[in-house]
C-alpha atoms as a PDB file:
ATOM      1  CA  MET A   1     -27.924  47.168  77.223  1.00  0.00           C
ATOM      2  CA  ILE A   2     -29.977  44.325  78.369  1.00  0.00           C
ATOM      3  CA  LEU A   3     -31.501  42.648  75.351  1.00  0.00           C
ATOM      4  CA  ASN A   4     -34.846  40.399  75.486  1.00  0.00           C
ATOM      5  CA  HIS A   5     -33.691  37.199  74.163  1.00  0.00           C
ATOM      6  CA  THR A   6     -36.393  35.842  72.803  1.00  0.00           C
ATOM      7  CA  GLU A   7     -36.837  39.191  70.554  1.00  0.00           C
ATOM      8  CA  HIS A   8     -33.139  39.231  69.568  1.00  0.00           C
ATOM      9  CA  THR A   9     -32.154  35.608  69.235  1.00  0.00           C
ATOM     10  CA  TRP A  10     -31.519  35.878  65.445  1.00  0.00           C
ATOM     11  CA  ALA A  11     -29.115  38.791  66.195  1.00  0.00           C
ATOM     12  CA  SER A  12     -27.026  37.198  69.037  1.00  0.00           C
ATOM     13  CA  GLY A  13     -24.023  36.216  67.231  1.00  0.00           C
ATOM     14  CA  ALA A  14     -23.599  39.554  65.307  1.00  0.00           C
ATOM     15  CA  ILE A  15     -24.112  41.401  68.647  1.00  0.00           C
ATOM     16  CA  GLU A  16     -21.775  39.309  70.338  1.00  0.00           C
ATOM     17  CA  LEU A  17     -19.558  40.218  67.883  1.00  0.00           C
ATOM     18  CA  LEU A  18     -19.967  43.651  68.059  1.00  0.00           C
ATOM     19  CA  ARG A  19     -19.460  43.875  71.506  1.00  0.00           C
ATOM     20  CA  HIS A  20     -16.060  41.926  71.129  1.00  0.00           C
ATOM     21  CA  ALA A  21     -15.035  44.743  68.848  1.00  0.00           C
ATOM     22  CA  ASP A  22     -16.127  46.975  71.343  1.00  0.00           C
ATOM     23  CA  SER A  23     -14.028  45.902  74.070  1.00  0.00           C
ATOM     24  CA  HIS A  24     -10.642  46.578  71.784  1.00  0.00           C
ATOM     25  CA  ILE A  25     -11.985  49.687  70.043  1.00  0.00           C
ATOM     26  CA  HIS A  26     -10.430  52.064  72.550  1.00  0.00           C
ATOM     27  CA  ILE A  27      -7.026  50.053  73.372  1.00  0.00           C
ATOM     28  CA  ASP A  28      -4.450  52.101  71.239  1.00  0.00           C
ATOM     29  CA  THR A  29      -2.394  49.475  70.063  1.00  0.00           C
ATOM     30  CA  ALA A  30      -2.198  47.860  66.409  1.00  0.00           C
ATOM     31  CA  PHE A  31      -3.438  44.364  67.301  1.00  0.00           C
ATOM     32  CA  ASP A  32      -6.554  45.699  69.258  1.00  0.00           C
ATOM     33  CA  ARG A  33      -7.579  47.630  66.213  1.00  0.00           C
ATOM     34  CA  ARG A  34      -7.085  44.769  64.042  1.00  0.00           C
ATOM     35  CA  ILE A  35      -9.091  42.916  66.239  1.00  0.00           C
ATOM     36  CA  ALA A  36     -11.727  45.348  66.369  1.00  0.00           C
ATOM     37  CA  PHE A  37     -11.998  46.024  62.884  1.00  0.00           C
ATOM     38  CA  ILE A  38     -11.926  42.096  62.169  1.00  0.00           C
ATOM     39  CA  SER A  39     -14.896  41.749  64.475  1.00  0.00           C
ATOM     40  CA  ILE A  40     -16.961  44.509  63.160  1.00  0.00           C
ATOM     41  CA  ASP A  41     -16.545  42.646  59.473  1.00  0.00           C
ATOM     42  CA  ASN A  42     -17.707  39.272  61.161  1.00  0.00           C
ATOM     43  CA  SER A  43     -20.589  40.727  62.950  1.00  0.00           C
ATOM     44  CA  ILE A  44     -21.766  42.534  59.528  1.00  0.00           C
ATOM     45  CA  GLU A  45     -20.751  38.951  57.680  1.00  0.00           C
ATOM     46  CA  THR A  46     -23.031  37.223  60.247  1.00  0.00           C
ATOM     47  CA  SER A  47     -26.192  39.770  60.213  1.00  0.00           C
ATOM     48  CA  ILE A  48     -26.494  39.747  56.586  1.00  0.00           C
ATOM     49  CA  PRO A  49     -27.065  36.226  55.745  1.00  0.00           C
ATOM     50  CA  THR A  50     -29.022  35.765  58.759  1.00  0.00           C
ATOM     51  CA  PHE A  51     -31.332  38.521  58.143  1.00  0.00           C
ATOM     52  CA  LEU A  52     -31.829  37.225  54.491  1.00  0.00           C
ATOM     53  CA  ALA A  53     -32.909  33.564  56.022  1.00  0.00           C
ATOM     54  CA  LEU A  54     -35.530  34.772  58.501  1.00  0.00           C
ATOM     55  CA  PRO A  55     -38.554  33.923  57.953  1.00  0.00           C
ATOM     56  CA  SER A  56     -40.497  36.641  56.302  1.00  0.00           C
ATOM     57  CA  SER A  57     -42.732  37.061  59.090  1.00  0.00           C
ATOM     58  CA  LYS A  58     -39.715  38.313  60.971  1.00  0.00           C
ATOM     59  CA  SER A  59     -37.622  40.014  58.117  1.00  0.00           C
ATOM     60  CA  GLY A  60     -40.716  41.671  56.011  1.00  0.00           C
ATOM     61  CA  ILE A  61     -39.225  40.575  53.071  1.00  0.00           C
ATOM     62  CA  LYS A  62     -39.428  37.431  50.883  1.00  0.00           C
ATOM     63  CA  VAL A  63     -36.177  35.677  50.042  1.00  0.00           C
ATOM     64  CA  SER A  64     -35.829  32.433  48.680  1.00  0.00           C
ATOM     65  CA  ARG A  65     -33.672  29.833  50.673  1.00  0.00           C
ATOM     66  CA  LYS A  66     -32.147  28.954  47.117  1.00  0.00           C
ATOM     67  CA  GLU A  67     -31.064  32.512  46.451  1.00  0.00           C
ATOM     68  CA  VAL A  68     -29.195  32.675  50.203  1.00  0.00           C
ATOM     69  CA  ASN A  69     -27.564  29.139  49.627  1.00  0.00           C
ATOM     70  CA  ASP A  70     -26.319  29.996  46.137  1.00  0.00           C
ATOM     71  CA  VAL A  71     -24.554  33.429  47.156  1.00  0.00           C
ATOM     72  CA  GLU A  72     -23.474  32.028  50.688  1.00  0.00           C
ATOM     73  CA  ASN A  73     -19.647  32.119  49.885  1.00  0.00           C
ATOM     74  CA  SER A  74     -19.422  35.259  48.490  1.00  0.00           C
ATOM     75  CA  PHE A  75     -19.690  38.427  50.535  1.00  0.00           C
ATOM     76  CA  PRO A  76     -19.883  40.778  47.292  1.00  0.00           C
ATOM     77  CA  GLU A  77     -22.917  38.459  45.895  1.00  0.00           C
ATOM     78  CA  LEU A  78     -24.584  38.340  49.675  1.00  0.00           C
ATOM     79  CA  LEU A  79     -24.290  42.252  49.487  1.00  0.00           C
ATOM     80  CA  ALA A  80     -25.952  42.371  46.343  1.00  0.00           C
ATOM     81  CA  LEU A  81     -28.934  40.280  47.566  1.00  0.00           C
ATOM     82  CA  LEU A  82     -29.578  42.288  50.529  1.00  0.00           C
ATOM     83  CA  TRP A  83     -29.904  45.422  48.420  1.00  0.00           C
ATOM     84  CA  LYS A  84     -31.885  43.558  45.979  1.00  0.00           C
ATOM     85  CA  HIS A  85     -34.450  42.550  48.600  1.00  0.00           C
ATOM     86  CA  ALA A  86     -33.868  44.859  51.290  1.00  0.00           C
ATOM     87  CA  SER A  87     -32.909  48.377  49.814  1.00  0.00           C
ATOM     88  CA  SER A  88     -35.625  50.094  51.769  1.00  0.00           C
ATOM     89  CA  ARG A  89     -33.780  48.961  55.434  1.00  0.00           C
ATOM     90  CA  LEU A  90     -30.392  50.443  54.016  1.00  0.00           C
ATOM     91  CA  THR A  91     -30.839  54.372  53.693  1.00  0.00           C
ATOM     92  CA  GLY A  92     -27.713  56.022  55.092  1.00  0.00           C
ATOM     93  CA  ILE A  93     -25.359  53.084  54.206  1.00  0.00           C
ATOM     94  CA  ASP A  94     -23.630  52.448  50.895  1.00  0.00           C
ATOM     95  CA  GLU A  95     -23.031  49.351  49.633  1.00  0.00           C
ATOM     96  CA  ALA A  96     -19.644  50.488  48.030  1.00  0.00           C
ATOM     97  CA  ASP A  97     -18.484  51.333  51.900  1.00  0.00           C
ATOM     98  CA  ILE A  98     -19.298  48.016  52.920  1.00  0.00           C
ATOM     99  CA  GLU A  99     -17.427  46.361  50.605  1.00  0.00           C
ATOM    100  CA  HIS A 100     -14.313  48.782  50.729  1.00  0.00           C
ATOM    101  CA  TYR A 101     -14.119  48.430  54.678  1.00  0.00           C
ATOM    102  CA  HIS A 102     -14.248  44.122  53.756  1.00  0.00           C
ATOM    103  CA  ARG A 103     -11.341  44.665  51.721  1.00  0.00           C
ATOM    104  CA  ILE A 104      -9.647  46.273  54.555  1.00  0.00           C
ATOM    105  CA  ARG A 105     -10.503  43.597  56.723  1.00  0.00           C
ATOM    106  CA  ASN A 106      -9.367  40.982  54.317  1.00  0.00           C
ATOM    107  CA  LYS A 107      -6.044  42.904  53.995  1.00  0.00           C
ATOM    108  CA  LEU A 108      -5.651  43.148  57.839  1.00  0.00           C
ATOM    109  CA  TYR A 109      -6.774  39.762  58.569  1.00  0.00           C
ATOM    110  CA  HIS A 110      -4.616  37.691  55.709  1.00  0.00           C
ATOM    111  CA  ASP A 111      -1.306  40.065  55.920  1.00  0.00           C
ATOM    112  CA  GLY A 112      -2.127  40.715  59.807  1.00  0.00           C
ATOM    113  CA  THR A 113       1.266  41.442  61.809  1.00  0.00           C
ATOM    114  CA  GLY A 114       2.035  44.975  61.899  1.00  0.00           C
ATOM    115  CA  LEU A 115      -0.957  46.550  60.173  1.00  0.00           C
ATOM    116  CA  SER A 116      -3.267  48.481  61.769  1.00  0.00           C
ATOM    117  CA  VAL A 117      -6.527  50.748  61.000  1.00  0.00           C
ATOM    118  CA  ASP A 118      -7.343  54.063  61.930  1.00  0.00           C
ATOM    119  CA  GLU A 119     -10.127  54.691  64.400  1.00  0.00           C
ATOM    120  CA  GLN A 120     -12.108  56.722  61.888  1.00  0.00           C
ATOM    121  CA  TYR A 121     -12.185  53.919  59.731  1.00  0.00           C
ATOM    122  CA  ILE A 122     -13.326  51.587  62.954  1.00  0.00           C
ATOM    123  CA  LEU A 123     -15.741  53.823  64.303  1.00  0.00           C
ATOM    124  CA  ALA A 124     -17.400  54.105  60.563  1.00  0.00           C
ATOM    125  CA  TYR A 125     -17.764  50.499  59.923  1.00  0.00           C
ATOM    126  CA  ARG A 126     -19.290  50.272  63.330  1.00  0.00           C
ATOM    127  CA  GLU A 127     -21.755  52.460  62.525  1.00  0.00           C
ATOM    128  CA  ILE A 128     -22.538  50.627  59.588  1.00  0.00           C
ATOM    129  CA  ALA A 129     -23.068  47.487  61.752  1.00  0.00           C
ATOM    130  CA  VAL A 130     -25.269  49.255  64.383  1.00  0.00           C
ATOM    131  CA  ILE A 131     -27.109  50.278  61.350  1.00  0.00           C
ATOM    132  CA  LEU A 132     -27.735  47.123  60.168  1.00  0.00           C
ATOM    133  CA  LEU A 133     -28.494  45.438  63.746  1.00  0.00           C
ATOM    134  CA  LYS A 134     -31.318  48.374  64.170  1.00  0.00           C
ATOM    135  CA  ASN A 135     -32.907  48.100  61.057  1.00  0.00           C
ATOM    136  CA  HIS A 136     -32.826  44.509  60.655  1.00  0.00           C
ATOM    137  CA  PHE A 137     -33.423  43.399  64.090  1.00  0.00           C
ATOM    138  CA  SER A 138     -34.333  46.049  65.947  1.00  0.00           C
ATOM    139  CA  VAL A 139     -31.331  46.038  68.246  1.00  0.00           C
ATOM    140  CA  ALA A 140     -30.204  49.468  69.293  1.00  0.00           C
ATOM    141  CA  LEU A 141     -26.207  49.281  70.613  1.00  0.00           C
ATOM    142  CA  GLY A 142     -25.169  52.663  70.775  1.00  0.00           C
ATOM    143  CA  ASP A 143     -21.844  54.163  71.181  1.00  0.00           C
ATOM    144  CA  PRO A 144     -19.202  51.888  71.891  1.00  0.00           C
ATOM    145  CA  LYS A 145     -17.896  52.133  75.650  1.00  0.00           C
ATOM    146  CA  PRO A 146     -14.062  52.755  76.630  1.00  0.00           C
ATOM    147  CA  HIS A 147     -12.393  49.635  77.655  1.00  0.00           C
ATOM    148  CA  LEU A 148     -11.885  49.888  81.672  1.00  0.00           C
ATOM    149  CA  ARG A 149      -8.984  48.129  82.994  1.00  0.00           C
ATOM    150  CA  LEU A 150      -9.219  46.003  86.112  1.00  0.00           C
ATOM    151  CA  SER A 151      -7.066  48.533  88.080  1.00  0.00           C
ATOM    152  CA  ASP A 152      -9.708  51.584  86.971  1.00  0.00           C
END
């Protein structure tokens, strides 16, 4: 997918992180599954405060800079702020699911070595990231593409 950079500049960091996750999703190693999951979470962690900090003319919601700054270091509080101001854009997403997957990411990130995550969790969390990008930034990424080796 080719992005119009003037339209999607706000989401570029989250898009890059999700594409990075996509490059690892179909590689069947514990490391690649960890990296994919962590990158998906990082994409979500990036997209939420970015969306909340957008000018209201871009986001369609009004969130004060103080509100965003007050919760910027707390992922659960960022989620609560997102639900408070943009719940109409979160249809089909459960806040508890995001918190659950974020806790899994923390376990993978901090306990790391040897741990993995099931592909179903990776794909479910990726779908949440895709919905957030679509509903907040009008970016449609679609399904992850299988990894191609240079020898293929």
